Amino acid sequence: MNQKEDNSNTQIEIELTEDIAQGTYSNLAVISHSSSEFVLDFIRVVPGIPKAKVKSRIILTPDHAKRLLSALQDNIDKFEKMNGTVSINNENLGFLPPLGGVGQA
């Protein structure tokens, strides 16, 4: 699958291979950062299994991380307009690994 994006007279051809198109399920994201980059680790936690592996790692510059935040918020707003409010209960998150100084989502 190929997709072209037109932005200020610039076209970028984006290729989505079949294996990547299948996606990777994640139910935990661990976010950390340095002065020059944000690191997003996507993890699949399985109940009853004490160990979980990072399934994907994405490294972003701070400006791209902020663009991602904005794009996610825009998409969540659109989703909620069509499907109702997504509520999260921060008091009952279930199993969370010790994170030791990094952020989590």
N, C-alpha and C. Protein backbone atom coordinates (compact mmCIF):
# COMPACT_ATOMS: atom_id res chain seq x y z
N MET A 1 0.85 -1.18 0.00
CA MET A 1 0.00 0.00 0.00
C MET A 1 0.89 1.24 0.00
N ASN A 2 0.66 2.12 -0.90
CA ASN A 2 1.41 3.36 -0.97
C ASN A 2 0.46 4.53 -0.76
N GLN A 3 0.95 5.56 -0.11
CA GLN A 3 0.15 6.75 0.14
C GLN A 3 1.03 7.96 -0.12
N LYS A 4 0.48 8.94 -0.82
CA LYS A 4 1.23 10.16 -1.08
C LYS A 4 0.65 11.27 -0.23
N GLU A 5 1.55 12.08 0.32
CA GLU A 5 1.16 13.20 1.17
C GLU A 5 1.63 14.48 0.50
N ASP A 6 0.72 15.44 0.33
CA ASP A 6 1.08 16.71 -0.27
C ASP A 6 1.11 17.77 0.80
N ASN A 7 2.28 18.35 1.04
CA ASN A 7 2.45 19.35 2.08
C ASN A 7 3.37 20.43 1.55
N SER A 8 2.81 21.60 1.21
CA SER A 8 3.60 22.73 0.71
C SER A 8 4.42 22.35 -0.51
N ASN A 9 3.77 21.78 -1.51
CA ASN A 9 4.41 21.38 -2.77
C ASN A 9 5.45 20.28 -2.60
N THR A 10 5.47 19.61 -1.48
CA THR A 10 6.39 18.51 -1.26
C THR A 10 5.58 17.21 -1.19
N GLN A 11 5.98 16.22 -1.97
CA GLN A 11 5.31 14.93 -1.92
C GLN A 11 6.24 13.90 -1.33
N ILE A 12 5.71 13.13 -0.41
CA ILE A 12 6.46 12.03 0.18
C ILE A 12 5.66 10.76 -0.08
N GLU A 13 6.29 9.80 -0.68
CA GLU A 13 5.62 8.52 -0.90
C GLU A 13 5.86 7.65 0.32
N ILE A 14 4.78 7.25 0.96
CA ILE A 14 4.86 6.44 2.18
C ILE A 14 4.48 5.02 1.83
N GLU A 15 5.37 4.09 2.11
CA GLU A 15 5.13 2.68 1.82
C GLU A 15 4.76 1.95 3.11
N LEU A 16 3.70 1.20 3.04
CA LEU A 16 3.26 0.37 4.16
C LEU A 16 3.34 -1.07 3.71
N THR A 17 4.35 -1.79 4.22
CA THR A 17 4.51 -3.19 3.82
C THR A 17 3.44 -4.05 4.49
N GLU A 18 3.22 -5.21 3.94
CA GLU A 18 2.15 -6.09 4.43
C GLU A 18 2.38 -6.51 5.88
N ASP A 19 3.63 -6.81 6.26
CA ASP A 19 3.89 -7.25 7.63
C ASP A 19 3.68 -6.10 8.63
N ILE A 20 4.06 -4.89 8.27
CA ILE A 20 3.84 -3.73 9.14
C ILE A 20 2.34 -3.40 9.21
N ALA A 21 1.63 -3.58 8.10
CA ALA A 21 0.20 -3.28 8.05
C ALA A 21 -0.59 -4.13 9.04
N GLN A 22 -0.06 -5.29 9.41
CA GLN A 22 -0.74 -6.16 10.38
C GLN A 22 -0.79 -5.51 11.76
N GLY A 23 0.15 -4.64 12.06
CA GLY A 23 0.18 -3.95 13.35
C GLY A 23 0.73 -4.83 14.46
N THR A 24 1.01 -4.20 15.58
CA THR A 24 1.48 -4.89 16.77
C THR A 24 0.64 -4.42 17.95
N TYR A 25 0.00 -5.34 18.64
CA TYR A 25 -0.84 -4.98 19.78
C TYR A 25 0.03 -4.60 20.98
N SER A 26 -0.35 -3.51 21.64
CA SER A 26 0.34 -3.06 22.83
C SER A 26 -0.69 -2.59 23.84
N ASN A 27 -0.51 -2.97 25.10
CA ASN A 27 -1.41 -2.48 26.15
C ASN A 27 -0.65 -1.72 27.25
N LEU A 28 0.59 -1.37 26.94
CA LEU A 28 1.39 -0.56 27.86
C LEU A 28 2.42 0.21 27.04
N ALA A 29 2.55 1.49 27.31
CA ALA A 29 3.58 2.30 26.68
C ALA A 29 4.42 2.94 27.78
N VAL A 30 5.72 2.84 27.65
CA VAL A 30 6.63 3.48 28.58
C VAL A 30 7.35 4.57 27.80
N ILE A 31 7.30 5.78 28.33
CA ILE A 31 7.86 6.93 27.63
C ILE A 31 9.00 7.51 28.47
N SER A 32 10.15 7.69 27.84
CA SER A 32 11.28 8.33 28.51
C SER A 32 11.86 9.37 27.56
N HIS A 33 12.70 10.25 28.08
CA HIS A 33 13.25 11.28 27.21
C HIS A 33 14.61 11.73 27.72
N SER A 34 15.37 12.29 26.80
CA SER A 34 16.63 12.96 27.10
C SER A 34 16.46 14.40 26.64
N SER A 35 17.53 15.15 26.62
CA SER A 35 17.43 16.53 26.16
C SER A 35 17.19 16.63 24.65
N SER A 36 17.41 15.54 23.91
CA SER A 36 17.31 15.62 22.46
C SER A 36 16.31 14.65 21.82
N GLU A 37 15.73 13.73 22.62
CA GLU A 37 14.81 12.77 22.01
C GLU A 37 13.84 12.20 23.03
N PHE A 38 12.70 11.73 22.50
CA PHE A 38 11.71 10.99 23.27
C PHE A 38 11.74 9.56 22.78
N VAL A 39 11.67 8.61 23.71
CA VAL A 39 11.67 7.19 23.38
C VAL A 39 10.35 6.61 23.86
N LEU A 40 9.59 6.02 22.93
CA LEU A 40 8.32 5.38 23.25
C LEU A 40 8.50 3.87 23.07
N ASP A 41 8.39 3.14 24.16
CA ASP A 41 8.45 1.68 24.12
C ASP A 41 7.04 1.14 24.26
N PHE A 42 6.64 0.31 23.29
CA PHE A 42 5.31 -0.29 23.30
C PHE A 42 5.45 -1.75 23.70
N ILE A 43 4.68 -2.14 24.72
CA ILE A 43 4.83 -3.43 25.38
C ILE A 43 3.49 -4.14 25.42
N ARG A 44 3.51 -5.46 25.33
CA ARG A 44 2.31 -6.26 25.51
C ARG A 44 2.45 -7.01 26.83
N VAL A 45 1.59 -6.65 27.80
CA VAL A 45 1.58 -7.30 29.10
C VAL A 45 0.48 -8.36 29.08
N VAL A 46 0.83 -9.58 29.45
CA VAL A 46 -0.14 -10.68 29.49
C VAL A 46 -0.39 -11.03 30.95
N PRO A 47 -1.67 -11.04 31.37
CA PRO A 47 -1.97 -11.38 32.77
C PRO A 47 -1.39 -12.74 33.16
N GLY A 48 -0.82 -12.81 34.34
CA GLY A 48 -0.26 -14.06 34.84
C GLY A 48 1.17 -14.33 34.39
N ILE A 49 1.69 -13.53 33.50
CA ILE A 49 3.06 -13.68 33.02
C ILE A 49 3.87 -12.53 33.62
N PRO A 50 4.86 -12.83 34.45
CA PRO A 50 5.58 -11.76 35.16
C PRO A 50 6.57 -10.98 34.30
N LYS A 51 6.80 -11.40 33.06
CA LYS A 51 7.78 -10.75 32.21
C LYS A 51 7.10 -10.30 30.91
N ALA A 52 7.44 -9.10 30.47
CA ALA A 52 6.88 -8.59 29.21
C ALA A 52 8.01 -8.00 28.38
N LYS A 53 7.93 -8.20 27.07
CA LYS A 53 8.96 -7.70 26.17
C LYS A 53 8.47 -6.46 25.44
N VAL A 54 9.40 -5.57 25.16
CA VAL A 54 9.11 -4.43 24.31
C VAL A 54 8.86 -4.98 22.90
N LYS A 55 7.72 -4.63 22.33
CA LYS A 55 7.36 -5.10 20.99
C LYS A 55 7.78 -4.12 19.91
N SER A 56 7.89 -2.83 20.29
CA SER A 56 8.29 -1.82 19.33
C SER A 56 8.84 -0.62 20.08
N ARG A 57 9.85 0.02 19.52
CA ARG A 57 10.43 1.23 20.09
C ARG A 57 10.45 2.29 19.00
N ILE A 58 9.91 3.46 19.35
CA ILE A 58 9.90 4.59 18.44
C ILE A 58 10.69 5.72 19.10
N ILE A 59 11.62 6.31 18.37
CA ILE A 59 12.43 7.41 18.88
C ILE A 59 12.06 8.66 18.09
N LEU A 60 11.70 9.73 18.82
CA LEU A 60 11.22 10.96 18.20
C LEU A 60 12.02 12.16 18.69
N THR A 61 12.15 13.17 17.85
CA THR A 61 12.68 14.44 18.30
C THR A 61 11.60 15.12 19.14
N PRO A 62 11.95 16.07 20.00
CA PRO A 62 10.94 16.74 20.82
C PRO A 62 9.84 17.41 19.99
N ASP A 63 10.17 18.02 18.86
CA ASP A 63 9.12 18.65 18.06
C ASP A 63 8.18 17.63 17.44
N HIS A 64 8.70 16.48 17.02
CA HIS A 64 7.83 15.43 16.48
C HIS A 64 7.00 14.79 17.59
N ALA A 65 7.54 14.70 18.79
CA ALA A 65 6.76 14.18 19.92
C ALA A 65 5.58 15.09 20.20
N LYS A 66 5.80 16.39 20.14
CA LYS A 66 4.71 17.34 20.38
C LYS A 66 3.68 17.28 19.26
N ARG A 67 4.13 17.10 18.03
CA ARG A 67 3.19 16.93 16.90
C ARG A 67 2.37 15.65 17.08
N LEU A 68 3.01 14.59 17.55
CA LEU A 68 2.29 13.34 17.81
C LEU A 68 1.23 13.55 18.89
N LEU A 69 1.59 14.24 19.97
CA LEU A 69 0.64 14.54 21.03
C LEU A 69 -0.57 15.29 20.47
N SER A 70 -0.32 16.29 19.65
CA SER A 70 -1.40 17.08 19.05
C SER A 70 -2.27 16.22 18.13
N ALA A 71 -1.64 15.39 17.31
CA ALA A 71 -2.39 14.53 16.40
C ALA A 71 -3.23 13.50 17.16
N LEU A 72 -2.66 12.93 18.24
CA LEU A 72 -3.42 11.99 19.06
C LEU A 72 -4.62 12.66 19.70
N GLN A 73 -4.42 13.87 20.23
CA GLN A 73 -5.53 14.59 20.87
C GLN A 73 -6.63 14.90 19.86
N ASP A 74 -6.24 15.31 18.66
CA ASP A 74 -7.21 15.60 17.61
C ASP A 74 -8.01 14.34 17.26
N ASN A 75 -7.33 13.21 17.13
CA ASN A 75 -8.01 11.97 16.78
C ASN A 75 -8.89 11.46 17.92
N ILE A 76 -8.45 11.62 19.15
CA ILE A 76 -9.28 11.22 20.29
C ILE A 76 -10.54 12.08 20.34
N ASP A 77 -10.40 13.39 20.11
CA ASP A 77 -11.56 14.28 20.09
C ASP A 77 -12.56 13.85 19.02
N LYS A 78 -12.08 13.53 17.82
CA LYS A 78 -12.96 13.08 16.74
C LYS A 78 -13.62 11.75 17.10
N PHE A 79 -12.85 10.83 17.67
CA PHE A 79 -13.39 9.52 18.08
C PHE A 79 -14.51 9.70 19.10
N GLU A 80 -14.27 10.55 20.11
CA GLU A 80 -15.25 10.75 21.17
C GLU A 80 -16.52 11.43 20.66
N LYS A 81 -16.40 12.29 19.67
CA LYS A 81 -17.59 12.91 19.08
C LYS A 81 -18.48 11.86 18.43
N MET A 82 -17.87 10.84 17.84
CA MET A 82 -18.63 9.79 17.16
C MET A 82 -19.05 8.66 18.09
N ASN A 83 -18.25 8.36 19.12
CA ASN A 83 -18.45 7.15 19.91
C ASN A 83 -18.69 7.39 21.39
N GLY A 84 -18.64 8.61 21.84
CA GLY A 84 -18.79 8.89 23.26
C GLY A 84 -17.44 8.98 23.95
N THR A 85 -17.47 9.51 25.15
CA THR A 85 -16.26 9.77 25.92
C THR A 85 -15.54 8.48 26.28
N VAL A 86 -14.25 8.49 26.10
CA VAL A 86 -13.39 7.40 26.56
C VAL A 86 -12.99 7.74 27.98
N SER A 87 -13.35 6.88 28.92
CA SER A 87 -12.98 7.16 30.31
C SER A 87 -11.90 6.19 30.75
N ILE A 88 -10.97 6.71 31.51
CA ILE A 88 -9.93 5.86 32.08
C ILE A 88 -9.99 6.00 33.59
N ASN A 89 -9.79 4.89 34.25
CA ASN A 89 -9.82 4.86 35.70
C ASN A 89 -8.39 4.72 36.18
N ASN A 90 -7.78 5.81 36.59
CA ASN A 90 -6.39 5.79 37.04
C ASN A 90 -6.20 5.09 38.37
N GLU A 91 -7.29 4.80 39.08
CA GLU A 91 -7.18 4.12 40.36
C GLU A 91 -7.06 2.62 40.21
N ASN A 92 -7.50 2.07 39.09
CA ASN A 92 -7.50 0.62 38.90
C ASN A 92 -6.84 0.29 37.56
N LEU A 93 -5.54 0.50 37.47
CA LEU A 93 -4.83 0.26 36.23
C LEU A 93 -4.34 -1.18 36.09
N GLY A 94 -4.52 -1.99 37.11
CA GLY A 94 -4.04 -3.36 37.02
C GLY A 94 -2.53 -3.42 37.18
N PHE A 95 -1.93 -4.42 36.58
CA PHE A 95 -0.49 -4.62 36.70
C PHE A 95 0.28 -3.52 35.99
N LEU A 96 1.20 -2.89 36.70
CA LEU A 96 2.13 -1.95 36.09
C LEU A 96 3.53 -2.27 36.62
N PRO A 97 4.51 -2.37 35.76
CA PRO A 97 5.85 -2.67 36.22
C PRO A 97 6.45 -1.48 36.95
N PRO A 98 7.46 -1.69 37.81
CA PRO A 98 8.15 -0.55 38.39
C PRO A 98 8.84 0.23 37.28
N LEU A 99 8.66 1.55 37.28
CA LEU A 99 9.13 2.33 36.15
C LEU A 99 10.39 3.13 36.44
N GLY A 100 10.71 3.38 37.68
CA GLY A 100 11.99 4.00 38.03
C GLY A 100 12.36 5.25 37.26
N GLY A 101 11.53 6.28 37.33
CA GLY A 101 11.93 7.56 36.77
C GLY A 101 11.53 7.83 35.34
N VAL A 102 10.85 6.93 34.68
CA VAL A 102 10.39 7.22 33.33
C VAL A 102 8.88 7.42 33.36
N GLY A 103 8.37 8.10 32.35
CA GLY A 103 6.94 8.32 32.27
C GLY A 103 6.25 7.09 31.71
N GLN A 104 4.94 7.08 31.80
CA GLN A 104 4.19 5.96 31.25
C GLN A 104 2.89 6.46 30.70
N ALA A 105 2.34 5.72 29.77
CA ALA A 105 1.03 6.05 29.23
C ALA A 105 0.20 4.80 29.19
